[in-house]
Amino acid sequence: MAVLFRIMVRCPTTGEVFDTGIRTNGREALNNGAYRQGMVGCSKCGKFHSLDDDAFMEVENRTDSDTLWRPNP
């Protein structure tokens, strides 16, 4: 089964966590610079927050995640 992560952000203003809607299949997504200097609109306070400073990953428990597209071996 494929592991799917969702990128979450903790709002520095309210301290509440919200889902960015971004999904990825590995932790390297935040480390490889793909989202460097990225900003996301906050559903909690209405401001924009940095994916560099405020983001973290959470495992998404989806029953269909084992049917994600994968390249042929």
C-alpha atoms as a PDB file:
ATOM      1  CA  MET A   1       0.000   0.000   0.000  1.00  0.00           C
ATOM      2  CA  ALA A   2       1.337   3.419  -0.938  1.00  0.00           C
ATOM      3  CA  VAL A   3       1.787   5.921   1.861  1.00  0.00           C
ATOM      4  CA  LEU A   4       0.312   9.308   1.086  1.00  0.00           C
ATOM      5  CA  PHE A   5       1.210  12.408   3.063  1.00  0.00           C
ATOM      6  CA  ARG A   6      -0.745  15.616   3.292  1.00  0.00           C
ATOM      7  CA  ILE A   7       1.054  18.895   3.836  1.00  0.00           C
ATOM      8  CA  MET A   8      -0.387  20.704   6.819  1.00  0.00           C
ATOM      9  CA  VAL A   9       0.382  24.178   8.190  1.00  0.00           C
ATOM     10  CA  ARG A  10       0.151  25.449  11.744  1.00  0.00           C
ATOM     11  CA  CYS A  11      -1.107  29.018  11.662  1.00  0.00           C
ATOM     12  CA  PRO A  12       1.391  31.167  13.572  1.00  0.00           C
ATOM     13  CA  THR A  13      -1.387  33.647  14.405  1.00  0.00           C
ATOM     14  CA  THR A  14      -4.024  31.300  15.848  1.00  0.00           C
ATOM     15  CA  GLY A  15      -1.959  28.144  16.480  1.00  0.00           C
ATOM     16  CA  GLU A  16      -4.566  26.071  14.650  1.00  0.00           C
ATOM     17  CA  VAL A  17      -3.625  23.476  12.038  1.00  0.00           C
ATOM     18  CA  PHE A  18      -5.145  23.461   8.544  1.00  0.00           C
ATOM     19  CA  ASP A  19      -4.836  21.262   5.477  1.00  0.00           C
ATOM     20  CA  THR A  20      -3.200  22.874   2.431  1.00  0.00           C
ATOM     21  CA  GLY A  21      -4.788  20.414   0.005  1.00  0.00           C
ATOM     22  CA  ILE A  22      -1.302  19.367  -1.189  1.00  0.00           C
ATOM     23  CA  ARG A  23      -0.609  15.613  -1.238  1.00  0.00           C
ATOM     24  CA  THR A  24       2.720  13.904  -1.838  1.00  0.00           C
ATOM     25  CA  ASN A  25       4.170  10.421  -1.651  1.00  0.00           C
ATOM     26  CA  GLY A  26       7.321  11.201   0.295  1.00  0.00           C
ATOM     27  CA  ARG A  27       8.903  13.349   2.947  1.00  0.00           C
ATOM     28  CA  GLU A  28      11.518  14.614   0.504  1.00  0.00           C
ATOM     29  CA  ALA A  29       8.876  16.927  -0.973  1.00  0.00           C
ATOM     30  CA  LEU A  30       9.494  19.472   1.779  1.00  0.00           C
ATOM     31  CA  ASN A  31      13.248  18.880   1.823  1.00  0.00           C
ATOM     32  CA  ASN A  32      14.053  19.015  -1.902  1.00  0.00           C
ATOM     33  CA  GLY A  33      12.981  22.624  -2.379  1.00  0.00           C
ATOM     34  CA  ALA A  34       9.850  21.877  -4.422  1.00  0.00           C
ATOM     35  CA  TYR A  35       7.835  24.157  -2.156  1.00  0.00           C
ATOM     36  CA  ARG A  36      10.610  26.569  -1.204  1.00  0.00           C
ATOM     37  CA  GLN A  37       9.295  30.092  -0.853  1.00  0.00           C
ATOM     38  CA  GLY A  38       5.789  28.734  -1.368  1.00  0.00           C
ATOM     39  CA  MET A  39       2.893  30.472   0.318  1.00  0.00           C
ATOM     40  CA  VAL A  40      -0.537  29.153   1.133  1.00  0.00           C
ATOM     41  CA  GLY A  41      -3.683  31.008   2.138  1.00  0.00           C
ATOM     42  CA  CYS A  42      -4.752  30.307   5.700  1.00  0.00           C
ATOM     43  CA  SER A  43      -8.339  29.252   6.340  1.00  0.00           C
ATOM     44  CA  LYS A  44      -7.972  30.220  10.005  1.00  0.00           C
ATOM     45  CA  CYS A  45      -6.764  33.853   9.902  1.00  0.00           C
ATOM     46  CA  GLY A  46      -6.957  34.806   6.206  1.00  0.00           C
ATOM     47  CA  LYS A  47      -3.231  35.611   5.855  1.00  0.00           C
ATOM     48  CA  PHE A  48      -0.608  33.802   3.772  1.00  0.00           C
ATOM     49  CA  HIS A  49       1.893  31.517   5.488  1.00  0.00           C
ATOM     50  CA  SER A  50       5.189  30.098   4.294  1.00  0.00           C
ATOM     51  CA  LEU A  51       5.535  26.421   3.497  1.00  0.00           C
ATOM     52  CA  ASP A  52       9.203  26.762   4.483  1.00  0.00           C
ATOM     53  CA  ASP A  53       8.546  27.732   8.090  1.00  0.00           C
ATOM     54  CA  ASP A  54       5.095  26.553   9.101  1.00  0.00           C
ATOM     55  CA  ALA A  55       4.508  23.298   7.173  1.00  0.00           C
ATOM     56  CA  PHE A  56       4.707  19.701   8.297  1.00  0.00           C
ATOM     57  CA  MET A  57       3.569  16.371   6.896  1.00  0.00           C
ATOM     58  CA  GLU A  58       0.921  14.027   8.205  1.00  0.00           C
ATOM     59  CA  VAL A  59       0.151  10.517   6.988  1.00  0.00           C
ATOM     60  CA  GLU A  60      -3.169  10.444   5.224  1.00  0.00           C
ATOM     61  CA  ASN A  61      -5.269   7.385   5.954  1.00  0.00           C
ATOM     62  CA  ARG A  62      -7.019   6.802   2.671  1.00  0.00           C
ATOM     63  CA  THR A  63      -8.430   3.463   1.683  1.00  0.00           C
ATOM     64  CA  ASP A  64      -7.813   4.169  -2.008  1.00  0.00           C
ATOM     65  CA  SER A  65      -4.140   5.098  -1.534  1.00  0.00           C
ATOM     66  CA  ASP A  66      -3.101   1.577  -2.585  1.00  0.00           C
ATOM     67  CA  THR A  67      -4.524   2.251  -6.065  1.00  0.00           C
ATOM     68  CA  LEU A  68      -2.407   5.331  -6.804  1.00  0.00           C
ATOM     69  CA  TRP A  69      -0.610   5.346 -10.116  1.00  0.00           C
ATOM     70  CA  ARG A  70       2.853   3.780 -10.014  1.00  0.00           C
ATOM     71  CA  PRO A  71       5.359   3.362 -12.838  1.00  0.00           C
ATOM     72  CA  ASN A  72       5.785  -0.154 -14.210  1.00  0.00           C
ATOM     73  CA  PRO A  73       8.665  -2.110 -12.625  1.00  0.00           C
END
